[in-house]
Amino acid sequence: MTQLTQRQMHDLAGRLTRLRMAAAEQEKASAAALEANRRWNDARGRYAREWADIVRAYGERNAPTWIESLRGPKPSIEVTA
């Protein structure tokens, strides 16, 4: 590593500080995205279970329309007699 002047060291310190701040922001955003994805998957699973319960009890024509592009594949419905 080459010898840095006082001014270069000050500039480098500022750049490294901004780099650490950007990394911290990225890590915080990544953690938030992971948590949001976990909540989304949990809600999607609850919706699918509730929807399947309604279909089993009252038939699919009495349940809200299943929008596969929004909800994913329809859950399998096993009717117990």
C-alpha atoms as a PDB file:
ATOM      1  CA  MET A   1       0.000   0.000   0.000  1.00  0.00           C
ATOM      2  CA  THR A   2       1.305   3.409  -0.894  1.00  0.00           C
ATOM      3  CA  GLN A   3       1.907   6.173   1.589  1.00  0.00           C
ATOM      4  CA  LEU A   4      -1.180   8.411   1.832  1.00  0.00           C
ATOM      5  CA  THR A   5      -1.176  12.104   2.490  1.00  0.00           C
ATOM      6  CA  GLN A   6      -3.191  13.528   5.354  1.00  0.00           C
ATOM      7  CA  ARG A   7      -5.810  14.731   2.892  1.00  0.00           C
ATOM      8  CA  GLN A   8      -6.043  11.309   1.201  1.00  0.00           C
ATOM      9  CA  MET A   9      -6.391   9.570   4.575  1.00  0.00           C
ATOM     10  CA  HIS A  10      -9.207  11.951   5.531  1.00  0.00           C
ATOM     11  CA  ASP A  11     -10.928  11.358   2.164  1.00  0.00           C
ATOM     12  CA  LEU A  12     -10.512   7.589   2.483  1.00  0.00           C
ATOM     13  CA  ALA A  13     -11.937   7.621   6.022  1.00  0.00           C
ATOM     14  CA  GLY A  14     -15.009   9.513   4.797  1.00  0.00           C
ATOM     15  CA  ARG A  15     -15.515   7.110   1.892  1.00  0.00           C
ATOM     16  CA  LEU A  16     -15.150   4.073   4.153  1.00  0.00           C
ATOM     17  CA  THR A  17     -17.712   5.577   6.547  1.00  0.00           C
ATOM     18  CA  ARG A  18     -20.186   6.092   3.681  1.00  0.00           C
ATOM     19  CA  LEU A  19     -19.491   2.545   2.493  1.00  0.00           C
ATOM     20  CA  ARG A  20     -20.237   1.129   5.975  1.00  0.00           C
ATOM     21  CA  MET A  21     -23.439   3.196   6.132  1.00  0.00           C
ATOM     22  CA  ALA A  22     -24.567   1.856   2.749  1.00  0.00           C
ATOM     23  CA  ALA A  23     -23.777  -1.701   3.844  1.00  0.00           C
ATOM     24  CA  ALA A  24     -25.764  -1.231   7.073  1.00  0.00           C
ATOM     25  CA  GLU A  25     -28.718   0.166   5.122  1.00  0.00           C
ATOM     26  CA  GLN A  26     -28.556  -2.763   2.710  1.00  0.00           C
ATOM     27  CA  GLU A  27     -28.478  -5.266   5.578  1.00  0.00           C
ATOM     28  CA  LYS A  28     -31.425  -3.560   7.279  1.00  0.00           C
ATOM     29  CA  ALA A  29     -33.435  -3.566   4.036  1.00  0.00           C
ATOM     30  CA  SER A  30     -32.546  -7.208   3.415  1.00  0.00           C
ATOM     31  CA  ALA A  31     -33.720  -8.208   6.899  1.00  0.00           C
ATOM     32  CA  ALA A  32     -36.964  -6.270   6.380  1.00  0.00           C
ATOM     33  CA  ALA A  33     -37.528  -7.967   3.021  1.00  0.00           C
ATOM     34  CA  LEU A  34     -36.972 -11.401   4.558  1.00  0.00           C
ATOM     35  CA  GLU A  35     -39.458 -10.631   7.336  1.00  0.00           C
ATOM     36  CA  ALA A  36     -42.015  -9.293   4.848  1.00  0.00           C
ATOM     37  CA  ASN A  37     -41.588 -12.442   2.740  1.00  0.00           C
ATOM     38  CA  ARG A  38     -42.098 -14.629   5.814  1.00  0.00           C
ATOM     39  CA  ARG A  39     -45.296 -12.735   6.716  1.00  0.00           C
ATOM     40  CA  TRP A  40     -46.520 -12.933   3.105  1.00  0.00           C
ATOM     41  CA  ASN A  41     -45.968 -16.696   2.979  1.00  0.00           C
ATOM     42  CA  ASP A  42     -47.672 -17.133   6.351  1.00  0.00           C
ATOM     43  CA  ALA A  43     -50.692 -15.108   5.240  1.00  0.00           C
ATOM     44  CA  ARG A  44     -50.850 -16.974   1.925  1.00  0.00           C
ATOM     45  CA  GLY A  45     -50.871 -20.285   3.795  1.00  0.00           C
ATOM     46  CA  ARG A  46     -53.609 -19.122   6.179  1.00  0.00           C
ATOM     47  CA  TYR A  47     -55.691 -17.901   3.245  1.00  0.00           C
ATOM     48  CA  ALA A  48     -55.301 -21.245   1.467  1.00  0.00           C
ATOM     49  CA  ARG A  49     -56.292 -23.194   4.588  1.00  0.00           C
ATOM     50  CA  GLU A  50     -59.336 -21.005   5.257  1.00  0.00           C
ATOM     51  CA  TRP A  51     -60.367 -21.109   1.599  1.00  0.00           C
ATOM     52  CA  ALA A  52     -60.071 -24.917   1.536  1.00  0.00           C
ATOM     53  CA  ASP A  53     -62.163 -25.160   4.732  1.00  0.00           C
ATOM     54  CA  ILE A  54     -64.896 -23.047   3.125  1.00  0.00           C
ATOM     55  CA  VAL A  55     -64.823 -25.173  -0.036  1.00  0.00           C
ATOM     56  CA  ARG A  56     -65.043 -28.385   1.989  1.00  0.00           C
ATOM     57  CA  ALA A  57     -67.940 -27.072   4.045  1.00  0.00           C
ATOM     58  CA  TYR A  58     -69.926 -25.102   1.444  1.00  0.00           C
ATOM     59  CA  GLY A  59     -68.591 -25.971  -2.007  1.00  0.00           C
ATOM     60  CA  GLU A  60     -66.320 -24.042  -4.321  1.00  0.00           C
ATOM     61  CA  ARG A  61     -69.132 -22.011  -5.855  1.00  0.00           C
ATOM     62  CA  ASN A  62     -69.732 -20.429  -2.436  1.00  0.00           C
ATOM     63  CA  ALA A  63     -66.060 -19.562  -1.895  1.00  0.00           C
ATOM     64  CA  PRO A  64     -64.255 -16.534  -3.303  1.00  0.00           C
ATOM     65  CA  THR A  65     -62.726 -17.095  -6.725  1.00  0.00           C
ATOM     66  CA  TRP A  66     -59.235 -18.509  -6.447  1.00  0.00           C
ATOM     67  CA  ILE A  67     -56.857 -16.261  -8.381  1.00  0.00           C
ATOM     68  CA  GLU A  68     -53.838 -18.430  -9.038  1.00  0.00           C
ATOM     69  CA  SER A  69     -51.590 -15.550 -10.134  1.00  0.00           C
ATOM     70  CA  LEU A  70     -52.170 -13.940  -6.738  1.00  0.00           C
ATOM     71  CA  ARG A  71     -52.575 -16.935  -4.407  1.00  0.00           C
ATOM     72  CA  GLY A  72     -50.477 -19.608  -6.089  1.00  0.00           C
ATOM     73  CA  PRO A  73     -51.723 -23.081  -6.975  1.00  0.00           C
ATOM     74  CA  LYS A  74     -55.086 -24.075  -5.551  1.00  0.00           C
ATOM     75  CA  PRO A  75     -54.814 -26.207  -2.452  1.00  0.00           C
ATOM     76  CA  SER A  76     -55.972 -29.776  -2.807  1.00  0.00           C
ATOM     77  CA  ILE A  77     -59.396 -30.298  -1.314  1.00  0.00           C
ATOM     78  CA  GLU A  78     -60.004 -33.615   0.350  1.00  0.00           C
ATOM     79  CA  VAL A  79     -63.632 -34.024   1.233  1.00  0.00           C
ATOM     80  CA  THR A  80     -64.173 -36.247   4.238  1.00  0.00           C
ATOM     81  CA  ALA A  81     -67.459 -38.041   4.421  1.00  0.00           C
END
